[in-house]
Amino acid sequence: MADLYLKALEAERKSLWAACRLKGLPKGTPERQRIDELDHLLAEHKAKKGL
């Protein structure tokens, strides 16, 4: 069964990363901070699921 939460987190991270790269946003911007939060959430979720 597909893990929709994981897919949603990865999709949001990929979208934000693309926008940051396109705009050349530096670290410390809200978008980059959200990417860091998503990385943390992804790591927690994968650890919990044993992936």
N, C-alpha and C. Protein backbone atom coordinates (compact mmCIF):
# COMPACT_ATOMS: atom_id res chain seq x y z
N MET A 1 0.84 -1.18 0.00
CA MET A 1 0.00 0.00 0.00
C MET A 1 0.89 1.24 0.00
N ALA A 2 0.47 2.23 -0.72
CA ALA A 2 1.26 3.47 -0.85
C ALA A 2 1.16 4.28 0.43
N ASP A 3 2.27 4.86 0.81
CA ASP A 3 2.32 5.73 1.99
C ASP A 3 2.08 7.16 1.51
N LEU A 4 0.83 7.59 1.61
CA LEU A 4 0.44 8.89 1.07
C LEU A 4 1.08 10.05 1.85
N TYR A 5 1.28 9.89 3.14
CA TYR A 5 1.91 10.94 3.94
C TYR A 5 3.34 11.16 3.46
N LEU A 6 4.06 10.06 3.24
CA LEU A 6 5.44 10.14 2.77
C LEU A 6 5.49 10.79 1.39
N LYS A 7 4.60 10.38 0.51
CA LYS A 7 4.57 10.95 -0.84
C LYS A 7 4.25 12.45 -0.81
N ALA A 8 3.35 12.86 0.08
CA ALA A 8 2.99 14.27 0.18
C ALA A 8 4.17 15.10 0.68
N LEU A 9 4.89 14.58 1.68
CA LEU A 9 6.06 15.29 2.20
C LEU A 9 7.14 15.42 1.13
N GLU A 10 7.39 14.33 0.41
CA GLU A 10 8.41 14.35 -0.63
C GLU A 10 8.02 15.30 -1.77
N ALA A 11 6.75 15.32 -2.13
CA ALA A 11 6.29 16.21 -3.20
C ALA A 11 6.43 17.67 -2.80
N GLU A 12 6.06 17.99 -1.56
CA GLU A 12 6.19 19.37 -1.09
C GLU A 12 7.66 19.80 -1.05
N ARG A 13 8.54 18.90 -0.59
CA ARG A 13 9.96 19.21 -0.51
C ARG A 13 10.53 19.44 -1.91
N LYS A 14 10.16 18.58 -2.84
CA LYS A 14 10.66 18.71 -4.21
C LYS A 14 10.20 20.01 -4.85
N SER A 15 8.95 20.38 -4.62
CA SER A 15 8.41 21.62 -5.16
C SER A 15 9.11 22.84 -4.57
N LEU A 16 9.29 22.84 -3.26
CA LEU A 16 9.96 23.96 -2.60
C LEU A 16 11.42 24.07 -3.05
N TRP A 17 12.08 22.93 -3.17
CA TRP A 17 13.49 22.94 -3.57
C TRP A 17 13.62 23.52 -4.98
N ALA A 18 12.72 23.14 -5.87
CA ALA A 18 12.75 23.66 -7.24
C ALA A 18 12.55 25.18 -7.24
N ALA A 19 11.62 25.65 -6.44
CA ALA A 19 11.36 27.10 -6.36
C ALA A 19 12.58 27.83 -5.80
N CYS A 20 13.21 27.26 -4.79
CA CYS A 20 14.38 27.89 -4.19
C CYS A 20 15.54 27.95 -5.18
N ARG A 21 15.72 26.89 -5.93
CA ARG A 21 16.79 26.87 -6.93
C ARG A 21 16.52 27.88 -8.03
N LEU A 22 15.27 27.96 -8.46
CA LEU A 22 14.90 28.87 -9.54
C LEU A 22 15.09 30.33 -9.12
N LYS A 23 14.70 30.64 -7.89
CA LYS A 23 14.80 32.01 -7.39
C LYS A 23 16.15 32.33 -6.77
N GLY A 24 16.97 31.31 -6.53
CA GLY A 24 18.27 31.52 -5.92
C GLY A 24 18.17 31.98 -4.48
N LEU A 25 17.24 31.40 -3.74
CA LEU A 25 17.02 31.83 -2.36
C LEU A 25 18.13 31.32 -1.44
N PRO A 26 18.64 32.19 -0.58
CA PRO A 26 19.71 31.78 0.36
C PRO A 26 19.12 31.04 1.56
N LYS A 27 20.01 30.45 2.36
CA LYS A 27 19.58 29.80 3.60
C LYS A 27 18.99 30.86 4.52
N GLY A 28 18.03 30.43 5.33
CA GLY A 28 17.41 31.34 6.28
C GLY A 28 16.08 31.90 5.81
N THR A 29 15.75 31.71 4.55
CA THR A 29 14.45 32.17 4.07
C THR A 29 13.38 31.19 4.53
N PRO A 30 12.12 31.62 4.61
CA PRO A 30 11.06 30.72 5.07
C PRO A 30 10.96 29.43 4.25
N GLU A 31 11.18 29.53 2.95
CA GLU A 31 11.09 28.34 2.11
C GLU A 31 12.19 27.34 2.46
N ARG A 32 13.40 27.84 2.66
CA ARG A 32 14.51 26.95 3.01
C ARG A 32 14.32 26.36 4.41
N GLN A 33 13.74 27.14 5.31
CA GLN A 33 13.47 26.63 6.65
C GLN A 33 12.42 25.51 6.59
N ARG A 34 11.43 25.67 5.72
CA ARG A 34 10.41 24.63 5.56
C ARG A 34 11.03 23.36 4.99
N ILE A 35 11.99 23.49 4.09
CA ILE A 35 12.68 22.32 3.55
C ILE A 35 13.40 21.58 4.68
N ASP A 36 14.03 22.32 5.58
CA ASP A 36 14.70 21.70 6.72
C ASP A 36 13.68 20.97 7.61
N GLU A 37 12.52 21.58 7.83
CA GLU A 37 11.48 20.93 8.62
C GLU A 37 11.01 19.65 7.94
N LEU A 38 10.83 19.72 6.62
CA LEU A 38 10.39 18.54 5.88
C LEU A 38 11.43 17.43 5.94
N ASP A 39 12.70 17.79 5.87
CA ASP A 39 13.77 16.78 5.99
C ASP A 39 13.67 16.07 7.34
N HIS A 40 13.41 16.84 8.38
CA HIS A 40 13.29 16.27 9.72
C HIS A 40 12.06 15.35 9.80
N LEU A 41 10.93 15.81 9.26
CA LEU A 41 9.71 14.99 9.27
C LEU A 41 9.88 13.71 8.46
N LEU A 42 10.55 13.82 7.32
CA LEU A 42 10.80 12.63 6.50
C LEU A 42 11.67 11.63 7.23
N ALA A 43 12.71 12.11 7.88
CA ALA A 43 13.61 11.22 8.61
C ALA A 43 12.87 10.52 9.75
N GLU A 44 12.05 11.27 10.48
CA GLU A 44 11.27 10.68 11.57
C GLU A 44 10.31 9.61 11.05
N HIS A 45 9.63 9.93 9.97
CA HIS A 45 8.63 9.02 9.42
C HIS A 45 9.29 7.74 8.90
N LYS A 46 10.42 7.90 8.22
CA LYS A 46 11.11 6.72 7.68
C LYS A 46 11.66 5.85 8.81
N ALA A 47 12.13 6.47 9.89
CA ALA A 47 12.64 5.72 11.03
C ALA A 47 11.51 4.95 11.71
N LYS A 48 10.36 5.60 11.80
CA LYS A 48 9.22 4.97 12.44
C LYS A 48 8.72 3.77 11.62
N LYS A 49 8.73 3.92 10.31
CA LYS A 49 8.24 2.85 9.43
C LYS A 49 9.29 1.79 9.15
N GLY A 50 10.53 2.08 9.50
CA GLY A 50 11.61 1.13 9.26
C GLY A 50 12.05 1.07 7.81
N LEU A 51 11.94 2.21 7.13
CA LEU A 51 12.32 2.25 5.71
C LEU A 51 13.76 2.53 5.57
